[in-house]
């Protein structure tokens, strides 16, 4: 898939199907990562509010989040991981900007709240093991973990050499903290949205699956 047109895919993969079930709806309500008000009728965000210099709609409230930050392993837009939908999510833009390319983890000191476009706290930045991290809401932690767990085996044997570690050095294609990601995968199992999204990516776009959504238990078997 071309990265520049992935918002067209997200019209289907990242929509709130409970609210916008009509496949022909050109402007469905979205289910955003890092956003607390997906189920609030007064605060829902629609597809046409995606962030693009070519989009005349204002305000623009969501963008395409590389859960495995593109700067860490595949900075070229033409590379396969750059546009892999299994780790790209429609996300609240304020939180995405604050997350930057920080690794994910559980904050132990210096926590700072990040508010989404609804004005509600939807994530935090802070420190863990001496490194700056981003901690999403509990409801998003499993989604984030399974995206990471997918990316390492899917693209780790290619020239990108993506690797999950428990070290605090998240650079050169390495990401921590593996033990925390495995914990999140166990504690926040796939919900209906994540399962449907996996199916749509397989059936309509990339024709491959994230096996950790189908079988979360595989993660401990592989990584522990």
N, C-alpha and C. Protein backbone atom coordinates (compact mmCIF):
# COMPACT_ATOMS: atom_id res chain seq x y z
N UNK A 1 0.84 -1.18 0.00
CA UNK A 1 0.00 0.00 0.00
C UNK A 1 0.88 1.24 0.00
N UNK A 2 0.38 2.32 -0.61
CA UNK A 2 1.08 3.59 -0.60
C UNK A 2 0.75 4.34 0.68
N UNK A 3 1.77 4.78 1.41
CA UNK A 3 1.54 5.50 2.65
C UNK A 3 0.69 6.75 2.44
N UNK A 4 0.92 7.44 1.34
CA UNK A 4 0.24 8.71 1.10
C UNK A 4 -1.28 8.56 0.98
N UNK A 5 -1.74 7.36 0.71
CA UNK A 5 -3.18 7.15 0.53
C UNK A 5 -3.79 6.26 1.62
N UNK A 6 -3.05 6.03 2.68
CA UNK A 6 -3.55 5.10 3.69
C UNK A 6 -4.76 5.63 4.44
N UNK A 7 -4.97 6.95 4.45
CA UNK A 7 -6.19 7.44 5.10
C UNK A 7 -7.44 6.91 4.38
N UNK A 8 -7.29 6.59 3.08
CA UNK A 8 -8.41 5.99 2.36
C UNK A 8 -8.69 4.58 2.87
N UNK A 9 -7.65 3.85 3.23
CA UNK A 9 -7.84 2.52 3.84
C UNK A 9 -8.48 2.66 5.22
N UNK A 10 -8.06 3.68 5.95
CA UNK A 10 -8.57 3.87 7.31
C UNK A 10 -10.03 4.27 7.34
N UNK A 11 -10.54 4.69 6.19
CA UNK A 11 -11.98 4.90 6.05
C UNK A 11 -12.74 3.64 6.45
N UNK A 12 -12.09 2.47 6.27
CA UNK A 12 -12.69 1.18 6.61
C UNK A 12 -12.03 0.54 7.83
N UNK A 13 -10.70 0.55 7.88
CA UNK A 13 -10.04 -0.17 8.96
C UNK A 13 -10.25 0.48 10.32
N UNK A 14 -10.35 1.80 10.36
CA UNK A 14 -10.35 2.51 11.64
C UNK A 14 -11.65 3.27 11.91
N UNK A 15 -12.69 2.93 11.21
CA UNK A 15 -13.97 3.56 11.48
C UNK A 15 -14.65 2.90 12.67
N UNK A 16 -15.57 3.62 13.28
CA UNK A 16 -16.40 3.06 14.33
C UNK A 16 -17.59 2.39 13.65
N UNK A 17 -17.49 1.08 13.45
CA UNK A 17 -18.51 0.36 12.69
C UNK A 17 -19.84 0.31 13.42
N UNK A 18 -19.84 0.41 14.72
CA UNK A 18 -21.09 0.41 15.46
C UNK A 18 -21.92 1.66 15.16
N UNK A 19 -21.23 2.76 14.94
CA UNK A 19 -21.91 4.04 14.68
C UNK A 19 -22.08 4.28 13.18
N UNK A 20 -21.12 3.82 12.37
CA UNK A 20 -21.13 4.06 10.92
C UNK A 20 -21.03 2.73 10.19
N UNK A 21 -22.11 1.94 10.18
CA UNK A 21 -22.05 0.60 9.60
C UNK A 21 -22.17 0.56 8.09
N UNK A 22 -22.57 1.67 7.45
CA UNK A 22 -22.76 1.69 6.01
C UNK A 22 -21.41 1.80 5.30
N UNK A 23 -21.01 0.77 4.56
CA UNK A 23 -19.71 0.77 3.88
C UNK A 23 -19.60 1.91 2.87
N UNK A 24 -20.70 2.42 2.39
CA UNK A 24 -20.68 3.50 1.40
C UNK A 24 -20.69 4.89 2.02
N UNK A 25 -20.67 4.95 3.34
CA UNK A 25 -20.63 6.24 4.02
C UNK A 25 -19.28 6.91 3.73
N UNK A 26 -19.27 8.09 3.08
CA UNK A 26 -18.00 8.72 2.71
C UNK A 26 -17.31 9.45 3.86
N UNK A 27 -18.01 9.61 4.98
CA UNK A 27 -17.43 10.35 6.10
C UNK A 27 -17.85 9.71 7.43
N UNK A 28 -17.37 8.50 7.69
CA UNK A 28 -17.80 7.79 8.90
C UNK A 28 -17.17 8.37 10.16
N UNK A 29 -17.76 8.03 11.28
CA UNK A 29 -17.16 8.32 12.59
C UNK A 29 -15.98 7.38 12.79
N UNK A 30 -14.89 7.91 13.35
CA UNK A 30 -13.67 7.14 13.50
C UNK A 30 -13.51 6.59 14.92
N UNK A 31 -12.77 5.51 15.02
CA UNK A 31 -12.34 4.95 16.30
C UNK A 31 -10.85 5.25 16.43
N UNK A 32 -10.50 6.26 17.20
CA UNK A 32 -9.14 6.75 17.25
C UNK A 32 -8.35 6.16 18.42
N UNK A 33 -7.09 5.88 18.15
CA UNK A 33 -6.15 5.51 19.21
C UNK A 33 -5.80 6.76 20.01
N UNK A 34 -5.55 6.59 21.30
CA UNK A 34 -5.22 7.69 22.22
C UNK A 34 -6.36 8.70 22.36
N UNK A 35 -7.58 8.25 22.23
CA UNK A 35 -8.72 9.18 22.31
C UNK A 35 -9.78 8.60 23.24
N UNK A 36 -10.28 9.41 24.17
CA UNK A 36 -11.18 8.89 25.21
C UNK A 36 -12.65 8.94 24.83
N UNK A 37 -13.00 9.69 23.79
CA UNK A 37 -14.40 9.99 23.53
C UNK A 37 -14.94 9.32 22.27
N UNK A 38 -14.40 8.16 21.92
CA UNK A 38 -14.89 7.46 20.73
C UNK A 38 -16.37 7.10 20.83
N UNK A 39 -16.86 6.91 22.05
CA UNK A 39 -18.26 6.52 22.24
C UNK A 39 -19.15 7.66 22.71
N UNK A 40 -18.64 8.88 22.71
CA UNK A 40 -19.41 10.05 23.13
C UNK A 40 -19.96 10.76 21.89
N UNK A 41 -21.28 10.74 21.67
CA UNK A 41 -21.85 11.33 20.45
C UNK A 41 -21.48 12.79 20.22
N UNK A 42 -21.24 13.53 21.28
CA UNK A 42 -20.92 14.95 21.12
C UNK A 42 -19.44 15.20 20.84
N UNK A 43 -18.61 14.17 20.98
CA UNK A 43 -17.16 14.36 20.86
C UNK A 43 -16.52 13.48 19.78
N UNK A 44 -17.32 12.73 19.07
CA UNK A 44 -16.75 11.82 18.07
C UNK A 44 -16.09 12.59 16.93
N UNK A 45 -15.05 11.98 16.36
CA UNK A 45 -14.33 12.59 15.25
C UNK A 45 -14.64 11.84 13.95
N UNK A 46 -14.82 12.57 12.88
CA UNK A 46 -15.16 11.97 11.60
C UNK A 46 -13.93 11.86 10.70
N UNK A 47 -14.04 11.03 9.69
CA UNK A 47 -12.92 10.73 8.81
C UNK A 47 -12.37 11.98 8.12
N UNK A 48 -13.22 12.93 7.78
CA UNK A 48 -12.77 14.09 7.01
C UNK A 48 -11.91 15.06 7.81
N UNK A 49 -11.66 14.76 9.08
CA UNK A 49 -10.82 15.64 9.91
C UNK A 49 -9.37 15.14 10.00
N UNK A 50 -8.97 14.28 9.04
CA UNK A 50 -7.60 13.80 9.07
C UNK A 50 -6.62 14.91 8.70
N UNK A 51 -5.39 14.78 9.20
CA UNK A 51 -4.38 15.81 9.04
C UNK A 51 -3.68 15.66 7.69
N UNK A 52 -3.83 16.67 6.84
CA UNK A 52 -3.17 16.67 5.54
C UNK A 52 -3.15 18.09 5.01
N UNK A 53 -2.06 18.45 4.36
CA UNK A 53 -1.99 19.78 3.74
C UNK A 53 -2.96 19.91 2.58
N UNK A 54 -3.44 18.78 2.07
CA UNK A 54 -4.40 18.79 0.96
C UNK A 54 -5.85 18.76 1.43
N UNK A 55 -6.04 18.72 2.74
CA UNK A 55 -7.40 18.63 3.28
C UNK A 55 -7.87 20.03 3.68
N UNK A 56 -8.95 20.55 3.06
CA UNK A 56 -9.43 21.89 3.38
C UNK A 56 -10.23 21.97 4.67
N UNK A 57 -10.60 20.82 5.24
CA UNK A 57 -11.44 20.81 6.44
C UNK A 57 -10.64 21.28 7.64
N UNK A 58 -11.25 22.09 8.47
CA UNK A 58 -10.63 22.57 9.70
C UNK A 58 -11.65 22.52 10.83
N UNK A 59 -11.24 22.14 12.05
CA UNK A 59 -9.88 21.73 12.43
C UNK A 59 -9.58 20.30 12.01
N UNK A 60 -8.29 20.00 11.88
CA UNK A 60 -7.85 18.64 11.60
C UNK A 60 -7.43 17.99 12.91
N UNK A 61 -7.99 16.83 13.21
CA UNK A 61 -7.89 16.28 14.57
C UNK A 61 -7.23 14.91 14.67
N UNK A 62 -7.03 14.21 13.56
CA UNK A 62 -6.38 12.91 13.67
C UNK A 62 -5.37 12.73 12.56
N UNK A 63 -4.40 11.87 12.82
CA UNK A 63 -3.40 11.56 11.81
C UNK A 63 -3.01 10.09 11.89
N UNK A 64 -2.07 9.70 11.06
CA UNK A 64 -1.67 8.31 10.95
C UNK A 64 -0.45 8.07 11.85
N UNK A 65 -0.65 7.29 12.89
CA UNK A 65 0.39 7.04 13.89
C UNK A 65 1.17 5.78 13.57
N UNK A 66 2.49 5.92 13.41
CA UNK A 66 3.36 4.75 13.37
C UNK A 66 3.60 4.30 14.81
N UNK A 67 2.97 3.22 15.23
CA UNK A 67 3.20 2.74 16.59
C UNK A 67 4.66 2.36 16.77
N UNK A 68 5.24 1.62 15.82
CA UNK A 68 6.69 1.45 15.77
C UNK A 68 7.21 2.66 15.00
N UNK A 69 7.77 3.63 15.70
CA UNK A 69 8.13 4.91 15.09
C UNK A 69 9.03 4.69 13.87
N UNK A 70 8.66 5.33 12.78
CA UNK A 70 9.37 5.13 11.51
C UNK A 70 10.84 5.55 11.59
N UNK A 71 11.15 6.49 12.48
CA UNK A 71 12.53 6.95 12.61
C UNK A 71 13.45 5.88 13.17
N UNK A 72 12.87 4.87 13.78
CA UNK A 72 13.67 3.81 14.41
C UNK A 72 13.61 2.54 13.57
N UNK A 73 14.28 2.58 12.41
CA UNK A 73 14.41 1.34 11.65
C UNK A 73 14.04 1.43 10.19
N UNK A 74 13.13 2.34 9.82
CA UNK A 74 12.70 2.39 8.41
C UNK A 74 12.24 3.81 8.04
N UNK A 75 13.17 4.76 7.98
CA UNK A 75 12.79 6.15 7.71
C UNK A 75 12.34 6.42 6.27
N UNK A 76 12.58 5.50 5.36
CA UNK A 76 12.21 5.72 3.97
C UNK A 76 10.74 5.41 3.72
N UNK A 77 10.03 6.36 3.13
CA UNK A 77 8.60 6.18 2.87
C UNK A 77 8.33 5.02 1.93
N UNK A 78 9.28 4.66 1.11
CA UNK A 78 9.08 3.57 0.16
C UNK A 78 9.27 2.19 0.74
N UNK A 79 9.69 2.07 2.00
CA UNK A 79 9.94 0.76 2.59
C UNK A 79 8.63 0.12 3.05
N UNK A 80 8.63 -1.20 3.07
CA UNK A 80 7.40 -1.93 3.42
C UNK A 80 6.90 -1.64 4.84
N UNK A 81 7.77 -1.63 5.87
CA UNK A 81 7.25 -1.36 7.21
C UNK A 81 6.61 0.01 7.35
N UNK A 82 7.06 0.97 6.56
CA UNK A 82 6.58 2.35 6.67
C UNK A 82 5.07 2.43 6.46
N UNK A 83 4.53 1.57 5.61
CA UNK A 83 3.11 1.63 5.31
C UNK A 83 2.35 0.37 5.71
N UNK A 84 2.91 -0.40 6.64
CA UNK A 84 2.25 -1.62 7.12
C UNK A 84 1.09 -1.25 8.05
N UNK A 85 -0.12 -1.54 7.62
CA UNK A 85 -1.31 -1.15 8.36
C UNK A 85 -1.43 -1.81 9.73
N UNK A 86 -0.72 -2.88 9.95
CA UNK A 86 -0.84 -3.56 11.24
C UNK A 86 -0.19 -2.77 12.38
N UNK A 87 0.59 -1.73 12.06
CA UNK A 87 1.10 -0.88 13.14
C UNK A 87 0.79 0.60 12.88
N UNK A 88 -0.03 0.88 11.89
CA UNK A 88 -0.47 2.24 11.61
C UNK A 88 -1.91 2.40 12.06
N UNK A 89 -2.16 3.40 12.88
CA UNK A 89 -3.50 3.60 13.40
C UNK A 89 -3.92 5.06 13.26
N UNK A 90 -5.20 5.26 12.99
CA UNK A 90 -5.78 6.60 13.07
C UNK A 90 -5.76 7.02 14.54
N UNK A 91 -5.13 8.15 14.83
CA UNK A 91 -4.85 8.51 16.23
C UNK A 91 -5.14 9.97 16.50
N UNK A 92 -5.54 10.24 17.73
CA UNK A 92 -5.69 11.62 18.16
C UNK A 92 -4.37 12.35 17.93
N UNK A 93 -4.41 13.48 17.22
CA UNK A 93 -3.20 14.15 16.77
C UNK A 93 -2.41 14.76 17.92
N UNK A 94 -3.08 15.26 18.93
CA UNK A 94 -2.37 15.87 20.06
C UNK A 94 -1.52 14.83 20.79
N UNK A 95 -2.11 13.68 21.05
CA UNK A 95 -1.35 12.63 21.72
C UNK A 95 -0.25 12.09 20.83
N UNK A 96 -0.52 11.95 19.55
CA UNK A 96 0.49 11.45 18.63
C UNK A 96 1.70 12.38 18.61
N UNK A 97 1.46 13.68 18.59
CA UNK A 97 2.56 14.64 18.62
C UNK A 97 3.36 14.54 19.92
N UNK A 98 2.66 14.35 21.04
CA UNK A 98 3.33 14.25 22.33
C UNK A 98 4.08 12.94 22.48
N UNK A 99 3.53 11.88 21.91
CA UNK A 99 4.22 10.59 21.97
C UNK A 99 5.54 10.67 21.19
N UNK A 100 5.55 11.45 20.09
CA UNK A 100 6.75 11.61 19.28
C UNK A 100 7.26 10.22 18.88
N UNK A 101 8.51 9.93 19.13
CA UNK A 101 9.05 8.60 18.84
C UNK A 101 9.52 7.91 20.12
N UNK A 102 8.93 8.29 21.26
CA UNK A 102 9.30 7.68 22.53
C UNK A 102 8.89 6.22 22.57
N UNK A 103 9.64 5.38 23.26
CA UNK A 103 9.17 4.02 23.51
C UNK A 103 7.97 4.04 24.46
N UNK A 104 7.26 2.93 24.50
CA UNK A 104 6.11 2.81 25.40
C UNK A 104 6.54 2.11 26.68
N UNK A 105 5.91 2.48 27.78
CA UNK A 105 6.20 1.84 29.05
C UNK A 105 5.29 2.36 30.14
N UNK A 106 5.58 1.98 31.38
CA UNK A 106 4.81 2.42 32.53
C UNK A 106 5.66 3.41 33.32
N UNK A 107 5.13 4.60 33.49
CA UNK A 107 5.87 5.72 34.08
C UNK A 107 6.13 5.47 35.56
N UNK A 108 7.36 5.69 35.98
CA UNK A 108 7.72 5.56 37.39
C UNK A 108 8.04 6.90 38.03
N UNK A 109 8.29 7.94 37.21
CA UNK A 109 8.58 9.26 37.76
C UNK A 109 8.36 10.33 36.70
N UNK A 110 8.06 11.55 37.18
CA UNK A 110 7.96 12.70 36.28
C UNK A 110 6.83 12.65 35.29
N UNK A 111 5.71 12.05 35.67
CA UNK A 111 4.59 11.92 34.75
C UNK A 111 3.95 13.25 34.39
N UNK A 112 3.64 13.45 33.10
CA UNK A 112 2.97 14.64 32.62
C UNK A 112 1.78 14.23 31.77
N UNK A 113 0.58 14.71 32.14
CA UNK A 113 -0.63 14.33 31.44
C UNK A 113 -0.71 15.00 30.07
N UNK A 114 -1.26 14.25 29.08
CA UNK A 114 -1.50 14.76 27.74
C UNK A 114 -2.99 14.68 27.47
N UNK A 115 -3.58 15.79 27.05
CA UNK A 115 -5.01 15.83 26.74
C UNK A 115 -5.25 15.66 25.25
N UNK A 116 -6.34 14.97 24.91
CA UNK A 116 -6.71 14.81 23.51
C UNK A 116 -7.57 15.97 23.05
N UNK A 117 -8.15 15.88 21.84
CA UNK A 117 -8.90 16.99 21.29
C UNK A 117 -10.22 17.24 22.03
N UNK A 118 -10.64 16.30 22.86
CA UNK A 118 -11.83 16.52 23.67
C UNK A 118 -11.49 17.27 24.96
N UNK A 119 -10.19 17.45 25.23
CA UNK A 119 -9.75 18.09 26.46
C UNK A 119 -9.59 17.12 27.61
N UNK A 120 -9.67 15.83 27.33
CA UNK A 120 -9.58 14.80 28.36
C UNK A 120 -8.19 14.16 28.36
N UNK A 121 -7.67 13.87 29.53
CA UNK A 121 -6.36 13.22 29.62
C UNK A 121 -6.44 11.84 28.96
N UNK A 122 -5.57 11.61 27.97
CA UNK A 122 -5.61 10.38 27.20
C UNK A 122 -4.26 9.68 27.09
N UNK A 123 -3.25 10.22 27.76
CA UNK A 123 -1.93 9.61 27.76
C UNK A 123 -1.01 10.42 28.65
N UNK A 124 0.21 9.89 28.88
CA UNK A 124 1.18 10.59 29.71
C UNK A 124 2.58 10.37 29.18
N UNK A 125 3.43 11.36 29.34
CA UNK A 125 4.85 11.18 29.14
C UNK A 125 5.53 11.23 30.50
N UNK A 126 6.67 10.58 30.58
CA UNK A 126 7.40 10.56 31.84
C UNK A 126 8.65 9.74 31.71
N UNK A 127 9.12 9.20 32.82
CA UNK A 127 10.38 8.47 32.84
C UNK A 127 10.20 7.06 33.37
N UNK A 128 10.96 6.13 32.81
CA UNK A 128 11.02 4.75 33.30
C UNK A 128 12.43 4.23 33.03
N UNK A 129 13.08 3.74 34.06
CA UNK A 129 14.44 3.22 33.92
C UNK A 129 15.38 4.24 33.29
N UNK A 130 15.17 5.50 33.60
CA UNK A 130 16.07 6.54 33.13
C UNK A 130 15.87 6.98 31.70
N UNK A 131 14.77 6.55 31.08
CA UNK A 131 14.51 6.97 29.70
C UNK A 131 13.12 7.58 29.59
N UNK A 132 12.93 8.52 28.68
CA UNK A 132 11.62 9.15 28.48
C UNK A 132 10.72 8.23 27.70
N UNK A 133 9.49 8.05 28.19
CA UNK A 133 8.55 7.11 27.57
C UNK A 133 7.18 7.76 27.43
N UNK A 134 6.32 7.09 26.67
CA UNK A 134 4.91 7.47 26.57
C UNK A 134 4.08 6.31 27.10
N UNK A 135 3.11 6.62 27.96
CA UNK A 135 2.20 5.59 28.49
C UNK A 135 0.78 5.91 28.05
N UNK A 136 0.18 5.04 27.23
CA UNK A 136 -1.20 5.27 26.79
C UNK A 136 -2.20 4.86 27.87
N UNK A 137 -3.46 5.09 27.61
CA UNK A 137 -4.52 4.62 28.49
C UNK A 137 -4.52 3.10 28.55
N UNK A 138 -5.03 2.54 29.64
CA UNK A 138 -5.09 1.09 29.78
C UNK A 138 -5.81 0.44 28.61
N UNK A 139 -6.85 1.08 28.11
CA UNK A 139 -7.65 0.48 27.03
C UNK A 139 -6.91 0.41 25.71
N UNK A 140 -5.81 1.14 25.57
CA UNK A 140 -5.03 1.14 24.32
C UNK A 140 -3.75 0.31 24.44
N UNK A 141 -3.42 -0.15 25.64
CA UNK A 141 -2.12 -0.78 25.84
C UNK A 141 -1.98 -2.10 25.09
N UNK A 142 -3.04 -2.90 25.06
CA UNK A 142 -2.97 -4.16 24.33
C UNK A 142 -2.81 -3.95 22.84
N UNK A 143 -3.51 -2.94 22.28
CA UNK A 143 -3.40 -2.64 20.85
C UNK A 143 -1.96 -2.28 20.50
N UNK A 144 -1.36 -1.42 21.33
CA UNK A 144 0.02 -0.99 21.11
C UNK A 144 0.96 -2.20 21.20
N UNK A 145 0.78 -3.02 22.22
CA UNK A 145 1.67 -4.16 22.42
C UNK A 145 1.62 -5.12 21.24
N UNK A 146 0.43 -5.43 20.76
CA UNK A 146 0.32 -6.41 19.66
C UNK A 146 0.86 -5.87 18.35
N UNK A 147 0.82 -4.56 18.16
CA UNK A 147 1.46 -3.98 16.98
C UNK A 147 2.97 -4.19 17.03
N UNK A 148 3.59 -3.95 18.20
CA UNK A 148 5.02 -4.19 18.36
C UNK A 148 5.36 -5.66 18.20
N UNK A 149 4.57 -6.52 18.86
CA UNK A 149 4.85 -7.95 18.81
C UNK A 149 4.78 -8.48 17.38
N UNK A 150 3.95 -7.88 16.55
CA UNK A 150 3.84 -8.25 15.13
C UNK A 150 5.04 -7.76 14.33
N UNK A 151 5.46 -6.51 14.56
CA UNK A 151 6.46 -5.89 13.69
C UNK A 151 7.81 -6.58 13.76
N UNK A 152 8.24 -7.02 14.94
CA UNK A 152 9.57 -7.62 15.06
C UNK A 152 9.70 -8.90 14.23
N UNK A 153 8.81 -9.89 14.36
CA UNK A 153 8.97 -11.08 13.52
C UNK A 153 8.63 -10.83 12.04
N UNK A 154 7.70 -9.90 11.78
CA UNK A 154 7.33 -9.66 10.38
C UNK A 154 8.46 -9.00 9.60
N UNK A 155 9.13 -8.03 10.19
CA UNK A 155 10.15 -7.28 9.47
C UNK A 155 11.55 -7.44 10.06
N UNK A 156 11.68 -8.25 11.09
CA UNK A 156 12.97 -8.38 11.75
C UNK A 156 13.99 -9.20 10.99
N UNK A 157 13.55 -10.03 10.04
CA UNK A 157 14.48 -10.86 9.28
C UNK A 157 14.89 -10.20 7.97
N UNK A 158 14.38 -9.00 7.71
CA UNK A 158 14.76 -8.28 6.51
C UNK A 158 15.91 -7.34 6.84
N UNK A 159 16.20 -6.42 5.97
CA UNK A 159 17.31 -5.49 6.20
C UNK A 159 17.04 -4.53 7.34
N UNK A 160 15.78 -4.49 7.84
CA UNK A 160 15.43 -3.55 8.89
C UNK A 160 15.86 -4.03 10.27
N UNK A 161 15.97 -5.33 10.46
CA UNK A 161 16.47 -5.92 11.72
C UNK A 161 15.74 -5.37 12.94
N UNK A 162 14.41 -5.34 12.88
CA UNK A 162 13.63 -4.85 14.01
C UNK A 162 13.68 -5.87 15.15
N UNK A 163 13.90 -5.39 16.37
CA UNK A 163 14.09 -6.27 17.52
C UNK A 163 13.44 -5.67 18.76
N UNK A 164 12.79 -6.50 19.56
CA UNK A 164 12.24 -6.08 20.84
C UNK A 164 13.18 -6.52 21.95
N UNK A 165 13.47 -5.60 22.87
CA UNK A 165 14.38 -5.90 23.97
C UNK A 165 13.82 -5.33 25.27
N UNK A 166 14.46 -5.65 26.37
CA UNK A 166 14.12 -5.03 27.65
C UNK A 166 15.10 -3.94 28.00
N UNK A 167 16.02 -3.64 27.10
CA UNK A 167 16.97 -2.56 27.34
C UNK A 167 16.32 -1.21 27.11
N UNK A 168 16.89 -0.19 27.71
CA UNK A 168 16.32 1.15 27.58
C UNK A 168 16.81 1.86 26.32
N UNK A 169 17.73 1.23 25.58
CA UNK A 169 18.21 1.80 24.33
C UNK A 169 17.22 1.46 23.22
N UNK A 170 16.36 2.41 22.87
CA UNK A 170 15.40 2.20 21.79
C UNK A 170 15.88 2.97 20.57
N UNK A 171 16.82 2.35 19.85
CA UNK A 171 17.39 2.97 18.66
C UNK A 171 17.96 1.87 17.77
N UNK A 172 18.28 2.22 16.54
CA UNK A 172 18.88 1.25 15.63
C UNK A 172 18.00 0.06 15.34
N UNK A 173 16.68 0.27 15.36
CA UNK A 173 15.74 -0.82 15.11
C UNK A 173 15.35 -1.60 16.35
N UNK A 174 15.89 -1.24 17.52
CA UNK A 174 15.54 -1.92 18.77
C UNK A 174 14.49 -1.11 19.52
N UNK A 175 13.57 -1.83 20.19
CA UNK A 175 12.58 -1.17 21.03
C UNK A 175 12.45 -1.92 22.35
N UNK A 176 12.40 -1.18 23.44
CA UNK A 176 11.99 -1.70 24.74
C UNK A 176 10.60 -1.18 25.03
N UNK A 177 9.91 -1.64 26.01
CA UNK A 177 10.39 -2.63 26.95
C UNK A 177 9.53 -3.89 26.75
N UNK A 178 10.17 -4.96 26.31
CA UNK A 178 9.46 -6.17 25.92
C UNK A 178 8.61 -6.73 27.06
N UNK A 179 9.14 -6.77 28.27
CA UNK A 179 8.38 -7.36 29.39
C UNK A 179 7.09 -6.58 29.64
N UNK A 180 7.13 -5.26 29.46
CA UNK A 180 5.93 -4.45 29.64
C UNK A 180 4.93 -4.72 28.52
N UNK A 181 5.40 -4.86 27.29
CA UNK A 181 4.51 -5.14 26.16
C UNK A 181 3.82 -6.50 26.34
N UNK A 182 4.55 -7.49 26.82
CA UNK A 182 3.95 -8.80 27.06
C UNK A 182 2.90 -8.71 28.16
N UNK A 183 3.16 -7.93 29.18
CA UNK A 183 2.19 -7.72 30.26
C UNK A 183 0.92 -7.06 29.71
N UNK A 184 1.07 -6.03 28.90
CA UNK A 184 -0.09 -5.34 28.33
C UNK A 184 -0.88 -6.27 27.42
N UNK A 185 -0.19 -7.11 26.67
CA UNK A 185 -0.87 -8.06 25.79
C UNK A 185 -1.75 -9.01 26.58
N UNK A 186 -1.29 -9.42 27.76
CA UNK A 186 -2.08 -10.33 28.59
C UNK A 186 -3.24 -9.61 29.27
N UNK A 187 -3.02 -8.39 29.71
CA UNK A 187 -4.01 -7.69 30.52
C UNK A 187 -5.10 -7.02 29.70
N UNK A 188 -4.83 -6.66 28.45
CA UNK A 188 -5.80 -5.96 27.60
C UNK A 188 -5.97 -6.74 26.31
N UNK A 189 -6.83 -7.74 26.34
CA UNK A 189 -7.01 -8.66 25.21
C UNK A 189 -7.72 -7.97 24.05
N UNK A 190 -7.62 -8.53 22.83
CA UNK A 190 -8.25 -7.91 21.66
C UNK A 190 -9.75 -7.76 21.85
N UNK A 191 -10.25 -6.57 21.47
CA UNK A 191 -11.69 -6.33 21.51
C UNK A 191 -12.28 -6.46 20.11
N UNK A 192 -13.56 -6.21 19.98
CA UNK A 192 -14.24 -6.39 18.69
C UNK A 192 -13.64 -5.50 17.61
N UNK A 193 -13.30 -4.26 17.97
CA UNK A 193 -12.73 -3.34 16.99
C UNK A 193 -11.40 -3.87 16.45
N UNK A 194 -10.51 -4.31 17.34
CA UNK A 194 -9.19 -4.78 16.92
C UNK A 194 -9.31 -6.04 16.07
N UNK A 195 -10.21 -6.94 16.43
CA UNK A 195 -10.41 -8.17 15.66
C UNK A 195 -10.96 -7.85 14.28
N UNK A 196 -11.95 -6.97 14.20
CA UNK A 196 -12.51 -6.59 12.90
C UNK A 196 -11.45 -5.92 12.02
N UNK A 197 -10.66 -5.05 12.64
CA UNK A 197 -9.61 -4.36 11.89
C UNK A 197 -8.62 -5.36 11.29
N UNK A 198 -8.21 -6.33 12.07
CA UNK A 198 -7.31 -7.37 11.58
C UNK A 198 -7.92 -8.10 10.38
N UNK A 199 -9.21 -8.40 10.47
CA UNK A 199 -9.89 -9.09 9.37
C UNK A 199 -9.94 -8.23 8.11
N UNK A 200 -10.21 -6.94 8.27
CA UNK A 200 -10.31 -6.05 7.10
C UNK A 200 -8.96 -5.91 6.41
N UNK A 201 -7.89 -5.77 7.18
CA UNK A 201 -6.56 -5.67 6.59
C UNK A 201 -6.23 -6.92 5.80
N UNK A 202 -6.61 -8.07 6.35
CA UNK A 202 -6.36 -9.34 5.66
C UNK A 202 -7.21 -9.47 4.40
N UNK A 203 -8.48 -9.19 4.50
CA UNK A 203 -9.40 -9.44 3.39
C UNK A 203 -9.32 -8.38 2.29
N UNK A 204 -9.11 -7.13 2.66
CA UNK A 204 -9.27 -6.03 1.72
C UNK A 204 -7.96 -5.41 1.24
N UNK A 205 -6.90 -5.49 2.06
CA UNK A 205 -5.70 -4.73 1.75
C UNK A 205 -4.43 -5.58 1.67
N UNK A 206 -3.82 -5.91 2.78
CA UNK A 206 -2.50 -6.53 2.75
C UNK A 206 -2.53 -8.05 2.60
N UNK A 207 -3.66 -8.66 2.91
CA UNK A 207 -3.82 -10.12 2.80
C UNK A 207 -2.86 -10.88 3.72
N UNK A 208 -2.53 -10.25 4.84
CA UNK A 208 -1.83 -10.96 5.91
C UNK A 208 -2.45 -10.55 7.24
N UNK A 209 -2.14 -11.27 8.29
CA UNK A 209 -2.79 -11.05 9.56
C UNK A 209 -1.77 -10.74 10.65
N UNK A 210 -2.25 -10.14 11.72
CA UNK A 210 -1.46 -10.05 12.94
C UNK A 210 -1.84 -11.26 13.79
N UNK A 211 -0.97 -12.27 13.87
CA UNK A 211 -1.34 -13.49 14.58
C UNK A 211 -1.53 -13.30 16.07
N UNK A 212 -0.99 -12.20 16.62
CA UNK A 212 -1.13 -11.97 18.06
C UNK A 212 -2.50 -11.41 18.42
N UNK A 213 -3.24 -10.97 17.42
CA UNK A 213 -4.65 -10.62 17.64
C UNK A 213 -5.49 -11.90 17.60
N UNK A 214 -5.18 -12.78 16.66
CA UNK A 214 -5.89 -14.07 16.59
C UNK A 214 -5.58 -14.95 17.80
N UNK A 215 -4.33 -14.92 18.22
CA UNK A 215 -3.87 -15.79 19.32
C UNK A 215 -2.92 -15.00 20.23
N UNK A 216 -3.45 -14.20 21.15
CA UNK A 216 -2.56 -13.43 22.05
C UNK A 216 -1.60 -14.31 22.83
N UNK A 217 -1.99 -15.56 23.08
CA UNK A 217 -1.14 -16.45 23.87
C UNK A 217 0.17 -16.80 23.15
N UNK A 218 0.22 -16.59 21.84
CA UNK A 218 1.45 -16.88 21.10
C UNK A 218 2.61 -16.01 21.58
N UNK A 219 2.30 -14.81 22.06
CA UNK A 219 3.37 -13.86 22.42
C UNK A 219 4.27 -14.42 23.51
N UNK A 220 3.69 -14.96 24.57
CA UNK A 220 4.50 -15.52 25.65
C UNK A 220 5.29 -16.74 25.18
N UNK A 221 4.69 -17.54 24.30
CA UNK A 221 5.39 -18.73 23.79
C UNK A 221 6.62 -18.34 22.98
N UNK A 222 6.52 -17.25 22.26
CA UNK A 222 7.61 -16.84 21.36
C UNK A 222 8.68 -16.04 22.10
N UNK A 223 8.23 -15.11 22.95
CA UNK A 223 9.16 -14.12 23.47
C UNK A 223 9.72 -14.44 24.86
N UNK A 224 9.00 -15.26 25.64
CA UNK A 224 9.51 -15.53 27.00
C UNK A 224 10.62 -16.59 26.98
